[in-house]
């Protein structure tokens, strides 16, 4: 798997316009929008899924902020899950990056077959994000992958 890691300067949680525009048409609108940054003093994590430059793959991005005092650099990891009624599927994708002054932007390319967690119908995926002293679950992205 081609793994790319990204860093954002503190407080600058802006994504390239191409990512927001490149999301599959079937993705819900709320999953492809991100404001200019987190509300001061709050922690959050958001999942975005869009077109990748690699055929048959999607770019999966987790952006967020860990509020409060902490080290300048903090390791952050996200894992992808399929949102299902009984038991959520671990999709086997785990990616690590670094938060700089609390802000993080981590991305990777994921094969369509991995995101297609419901063989028939709409797929729902989310990420679980962890860092020392921080744990969060992102929004759910629904699409037909």
Foldseek 3Di string as FASTA:
>chain_A
DFFDFDADAPQAPDDPPCQLVQADPFKDNVLSDDDRADDAQDWAKHWHWGPDPDPQKIKIKIKIFDGDDDDQKWKKKKWKWWDDDPDIHGLPDMDIYIYGNGIGMTIDIDGPVSQQPPVDDKIWMWMWMDIVVDTDIYHIIIGRD
